[in-house]
Amino acid sequence: MITANIDVADGLANGDLSKLSHFALDDQNRALRVWLLFPNGVGVKVRGKVVGYANAKGIGGEMAPINRRYATVPLNLNRSIHAKRNNFPLKPA
């Protein structure tokens, strides 16, 4: 399930369900990117941006990539927290 709005116009919105198909790990075995299978019409825009990369890696054209995301959230004037999530703005590797 997607837990934040990524690209609502492309159908990648909070609460959308998908099937995990592939994932990429960094050198410390942390998830860098997941590839999710969505129903037709969801993630079409982002799939078009990474079609060359997906083909080179043997990932089907129906998969949409979701990258790791970091955000700093202010708590008050003196404090903030740094959050790490796995549903980010999409960029090909």
N, C-alpha and C. Protein backbone atom coordinates (compact mmCIF):
# COMPACT_ATOMS: atom_id res chain seq x y z
N MET A 1 0.83 -1.17 0.00
CA MET A 1 0.00 0.00 0.00
C MET A 1 0.88 1.24 0.00
N ILE A 2 0.52 2.21 -0.85
CA ILE A 2 1.21 3.49 -0.84
C ILE A 2 0.69 4.28 0.36
N THR A 3 1.58 4.90 1.12
CA THR A 3 1.19 5.61 2.34
C THR A 3 1.33 7.11 2.24
N ALA A 4 1.58 7.64 1.04
CA ALA A 4 1.66 9.08 0.83
C ALA A 4 1.35 9.36 -0.64
N ASN A 5 0.85 10.53 -0.94
CA ASN A 5 0.62 10.91 -2.33
C ASN A 5 1.95 11.13 -3.03
N ILE A 6 2.16 10.41 -4.12
CA ILE A 6 3.39 10.53 -4.90
C ILE A 6 3.11 11.34 -6.15
N ASP A 7 2.15 10.89 -6.94
CA ASP A 7 1.71 11.60 -8.14
C ASP A 7 0.25 11.24 -8.36
N VAL A 8 -0.63 12.04 -7.77
CA VAL A 8 -2.06 11.74 -7.79
C VAL A 8 -2.58 11.69 -9.23
N ALA A 9 -2.13 12.59 -10.09
CA ALA A 9 -2.58 12.60 -11.48
C ALA A 9 -2.22 11.31 -12.21
N ASP A 10 -1.14 10.66 -11.80
CA ASP A 10 -0.69 9.40 -12.39
C ASP A 10 -1.30 8.19 -11.67
N GLY A 11 -2.13 8.44 -10.66
CA GLY A 11 -2.78 7.37 -9.93
C GLY A 11 -1.99 6.83 -8.75
N LEU A 12 -0.84 7.42 -8.46
CA LEU A 12 0.00 6.96 -7.35
C LEU A 12 -0.34 7.79 -6.11
N ALA A 13 -1.34 7.33 -5.37
CA ALA A 13 -1.89 8.11 -4.27
C ALA A 13 -1.97 7.28 -3.00
N ASN A 14 -2.04 7.97 -1.89
CA ASN A 14 -2.17 7.35 -0.57
C ASN A 14 -3.32 6.34 -0.58
N GLY A 15 -3.03 5.13 -0.12
CA GLY A 15 -4.05 4.09 -0.02
C GLY A 15 -4.10 3.14 -1.20
N ASP A 16 -3.41 3.44 -2.31
CA ASP A 16 -3.41 2.55 -3.47
C ASP A 16 -2.72 1.24 -3.13
N LEU A 17 -3.29 0.16 -3.60
CA LEU A 17 -2.74 -1.17 -3.37
C LEU A 17 -2.04 -1.66 -4.63
N SER A 18 -0.97 -2.42 -4.44
CA SER A 18 -0.23 -2.96 -5.56
C SER A 18 0.45 -4.25 -5.13
N LYS A 19 1.13 -4.87 -6.06
CA LYS A 19 1.89 -6.09 -5.78
C LYS A 19 3.37 -5.80 -5.97
N LEU A 20 4.18 -6.13 -4.98
CA LEU A 20 5.63 -5.96 -5.07
C LEU A 20 6.19 -6.95 -6.09
N SER A 21 6.94 -6.42 -7.05
CA SER A 21 7.47 -7.27 -8.11
C SER A 21 8.99 -7.41 -8.02
N HIS A 22 9.70 -6.29 -7.88
CA HIS A 22 11.16 -6.28 -7.81
C HIS A 22 11.58 -5.24 -6.77
N PHE A 23 12.82 -5.34 -6.33
CA PHE A 23 13.36 -4.31 -5.45
C PHE A 23 14.87 -4.22 -5.64
N ALA A 24 15.42 -3.05 -5.35
CA ALA A 24 16.85 -2.81 -5.45
C ALA A 24 17.37 -2.46 -4.06
N LEU A 25 18.50 -3.05 -3.70
CA LEU A 25 19.12 -2.81 -2.40
C LEU A 25 20.43 -2.06 -2.55
N ASP A 26 20.80 -1.31 -1.51
CA ASP A 26 22.10 -0.66 -1.52
C ASP A 26 23.13 -1.64 -0.96
N ASP A 27 24.37 -1.19 -0.77
CA ASP A 27 25.44 -2.07 -0.29
C ASP A 27 25.26 -2.51 1.16
N GLN A 28 24.31 -1.91 1.88
CA GLN A 28 24.01 -2.32 3.26
C GLN A 28 22.67 -3.04 3.34
N ASN A 29 22.20 -3.54 2.20
CA ASN A 29 20.95 -4.28 2.10
C ASN A 29 19.72 -3.50 2.53
N ARG A 30 19.74 -2.17 2.30
CA ARG A 30 18.56 -1.34 2.55
C ARG A 30 17.86 -1.09 1.22
N ALA A 31 16.55 -1.04 1.26
CA ALA A 31 15.79 -0.83 0.02
C ALA A 31 16.05 0.56 -0.54
N LEU A 32 16.43 0.62 -1.81
CA LEU A 32 16.61 1.88 -2.52
C LEU A 32 15.37 2.19 -3.36
N ARG A 33 14.81 1.16 -3.96
CA ARG A 33 13.68 1.32 -4.88
C ARG A 33 12.90 0.02 -4.89
N VAL A 34 11.59 0.15 -4.97
CA VAL A 34 10.74 -1.01 -5.18
C VAL A 34 9.99 -0.81 -6.49
N TRP A 35 9.68 -1.89 -7.16
CA TRP A 35 8.91 -1.87 -8.40
C TRP A 35 7.59 -2.54 -8.10
N LEU A 36 6.51 -1.81 -8.30
CA LEU A 36 5.18 -2.28 -7.95
C LEU A 36 4.32 -2.48 -9.19
N LEU A 37 3.52 -3.54 -9.17
CA LEU A 37 2.58 -3.83 -10.24
C LEU A 37 1.23 -3.23 -9.87
N PHE A 38 0.75 -2.31 -10.71
CA PHE A 38 -0.54 -1.66 -10.50
C PHE A 38 -1.49 -2.07 -11.61
N PRO A 39 -2.79 -1.88 -11.39
CA PRO A 39 -3.75 -2.13 -12.48
C PRO A 39 -3.50 -1.16 -13.63
N ASN A 40 -4.07 -1.48 -14.77
CA ASN A 40 -3.92 -0.61 -15.96
C ASN A 40 -4.29 0.83 -15.63
N GLY A 41 -3.52 1.76 -16.17
CA GLY A 41 -3.79 3.17 -16.01
C GLY A 41 -3.11 3.81 -14.82
N VAL A 42 -2.58 3.05 -13.89
CA VAL A 42 -1.90 3.60 -12.71
C VAL A 42 -0.40 3.59 -12.95
N GLY A 43 0.24 4.73 -12.75
CA GLY A 43 1.69 4.82 -12.89
C GLY A 43 2.19 4.89 -14.32
N VAL A 44 1.30 5.15 -15.27
CA VAL A 44 1.68 5.17 -16.69
C VAL A 44 2.74 6.24 -16.96
N LYS A 45 2.58 7.42 -16.39
CA LYS A 45 3.53 8.51 -16.63
C LYS A 45 4.93 8.14 -16.13
N VAL A 46 5.02 7.62 -14.93
CA VAL A 46 6.34 7.28 -14.38
C VAL A 46 6.96 6.09 -15.11
N ARG A 47 6.14 5.15 -15.55
CA ARG A 47 6.68 4.01 -16.31
C ARG A 47 7.35 4.49 -17.59
N GLY A 48 6.74 5.49 -18.23
CA GLY A 48 7.32 6.03 -19.47
C GLY A 48 8.67 6.68 -19.24
N LYS A 49 8.90 7.23 -18.06
CA LYS A 49 10.17 7.89 -17.75
C LYS A 49 11.31 6.91 -17.54
N VAL A 50 11.00 5.66 -17.20
CA VAL A 50 12.05 4.70 -16.85
C VAL A 50 12.04 3.46 -17.73
N VAL A 51 11.38 3.53 -18.88
CA VAL A 51 11.24 2.35 -19.72
C VAL A 51 12.59 1.79 -20.16
N GLY A 52 13.55 2.64 -20.50
CA GLY A 52 14.87 2.16 -20.90
C GLY A 52 15.58 1.43 -19.78
N TYR A 53 15.56 2.01 -18.59
CA TYR A 53 16.19 1.38 -17.42
C TYR A 53 15.51 0.05 -17.11
N ALA A 54 14.18 0.04 -17.12
CA ALA A 54 13.44 -1.18 -16.80
C ALA A 54 13.76 -2.28 -17.80
N ASN A 55 13.80 -1.95 -19.08
CA ASN A 55 14.13 -2.94 -20.09
C ASN A 55 15.53 -3.49 -19.90
N ALA A 56 16.49 -2.62 -19.59
CA ALA A 56 17.87 -3.05 -19.39
C ALA A 56 18.01 -3.98 -18.20
N LYS A 57 17.17 -3.81 -17.19
CA LYS A 57 17.22 -4.64 -15.98
C LYS A 57 16.27 -5.83 -16.03
N GLY A 58 15.53 -5.98 -17.12
CA GLY A 58 14.61 -7.10 -17.26
C GLY A 58 13.34 -6.94 -16.43
N ILE A 59 12.95 -5.71 -16.16
CA ILE A 59 11.75 -5.43 -15.38
C ILE A 59 10.63 -5.11 -16.35
N GLY A 60 9.49 -5.74 -16.17
CA GLY A 60 8.36 -5.56 -17.07
C GLY A 60 7.87 -4.12 -17.14
N GLY A 61 7.35 -3.74 -18.30
CA GLY A 61 6.86 -2.40 -18.53
C GLY A 61 5.63 -2.02 -17.73
N GLU A 62 5.00 -2.98 -17.08
CA GLU A 62 3.82 -2.70 -16.27
C GLU A 62 4.17 -2.36 -14.82
N MET A 63 5.46 -2.35 -14.49
CA MET A 63 5.92 -2.05 -13.13
C MET A 63 6.24 -0.57 -12.98
N ALA A 64 5.86 -0.01 -11.83
CA ALA A 64 6.15 1.40 -11.53
C ALA A 64 7.18 1.45 -10.40
N PRO A 65 8.25 2.25 -10.55
CA PRO A 65 9.27 2.34 -9.50
C PRO A 65 8.88 3.36 -8.43
N ILE A 66 9.16 3.01 -7.19
CA ILE A 66 8.96 3.90 -6.05
C ILE A 66 10.30 3.98 -5.33
N ASN A 67 10.87 5.18 -5.21
CA ASN A 67 12.19 5.36 -4.61
C ASN A 67 12.11 5.78 -3.15
N ARG A 68 13.20 5.58 -2.44
CA ARG A 68 13.30 6.01 -1.04
C ARG A 68 13.18 7.52 -0.96
N ARG A 69 12.59 8.00 0.11
CA ARG A 69 12.38 9.44 0.31
C ARG A 69 12.75 9.83 1.73
N TYR A 70 13.35 11.01 1.85
CA TYR A 70 13.69 11.57 3.15
C TYR A 70 12.96 12.89 3.31
N ALA A 71 12.55 13.19 4.52
CA ALA A 71 11.88 14.47 4.78
C ALA A 71 12.24 14.93 6.19
N THR A 72 12.45 16.24 6.35
CA THR A 72 12.65 16.82 7.67
C THR A 72 11.35 17.50 8.07
N VAL A 73 10.83 17.11 9.23
CA VAL A 73 9.55 17.61 9.69
C VAL A 73 9.79 18.46 10.94
N PRO A 74 9.44 19.76 10.89
CA PRO A 74 9.63 20.61 12.07
C PRO A 74 8.61 20.26 13.15
N LEU A 75 9.09 20.15 14.40
CA LEU A 75 8.19 19.88 15.53
C LEU A 75 7.81 21.17 16.24
N ASN A 76 8.78 22.04 16.41
CA ASN A 76 8.55 23.37 16.98
C ASN A 76 9.73 24.25 16.56
N LEU A 77 9.92 25.39 17.18
CA LEU A 77 10.98 26.31 16.76
C LEU A 77 12.38 25.74 16.93
N ASN A 78 12.57 24.83 17.87
CA ASN A 78 13.92 24.33 18.18
C ASN A 78 14.17 22.88 17.77
N ARG A 79 13.14 22.17 17.36
CA ARG A 79 13.33 20.74 17.10
C ARG A 79 12.68 20.32 15.80
N SER A 80 13.27 19.31 15.19
CA SER A 80 12.68 18.69 14.01
C SER A 80 13.10 17.22 14.00
N ILE A 81 12.43 16.45 13.18
CA ILE A 81 12.81 15.04 13.02
C ILE A 81 13.11 14.80 11.55
N HIS A 82 13.98 13.85 11.29
CA HIS A 82 14.33 13.48 9.92
C HIS A 82 13.71 12.11 9.67
N ALA A 83 12.78 12.03 8.74
CA ALA A 83 12.05 10.80 8.47
C ALA A 83 12.55 10.17 7.17
N LYS A 84 12.61 8.85 7.15
CA LYS A 84 12.97 8.09 5.96
C LYS A 84 11.77 7.22 5.61
N ARG A 85 11.33 7.33 4.36
CA ARG A 85 10.21 6.54 3.89
C ARG A 85 10.61 5.87 2.59
N ASN A 86 9.86 4.85 2.19
CA ASN A 86 10.14 4.16 0.93
C ASN A 86 9.11 4.45 -0.15
N ASN A 87 8.53 5.65 -0.13
CA ASN A 87 7.62 6.03 -1.22
C ASN A 87 7.93 7.47 -1.61
N PHE A 88 8.75 7.63 -2.63
CA PHE A 88 9.33 8.92 -2.97
C PHE A 88 9.01 9.41 -4.34
N PRO A 89 9.37 10.66 -4.60
CA PRO A 89 9.30 11.14 -5.97
C PRO A 89 10.12 10.20 -6.85
N LEU A 90 9.65 9.91 -8.00
CA LEU A 90 10.24 8.87 -8.82
C LEU A 90 11.30 9.40 -9.76
N LYS A 91 12.48 8.79 -9.72
CA LYS A 91 13.57 9.14 -10.61
C LYS A 91 14.23 7.86 -11.04
N PRO A 92 14.58 7.70 -12.31
CA PRO A 92 15.31 6.51 -12.70
C PRO A 92 16.71 6.50 -12.11
N ALA A 93 17.25 5.34 -11.87
CA ALA A 93 18.60 5.24 -11.30
C ALA A 93 19.65 5.50 -12.34
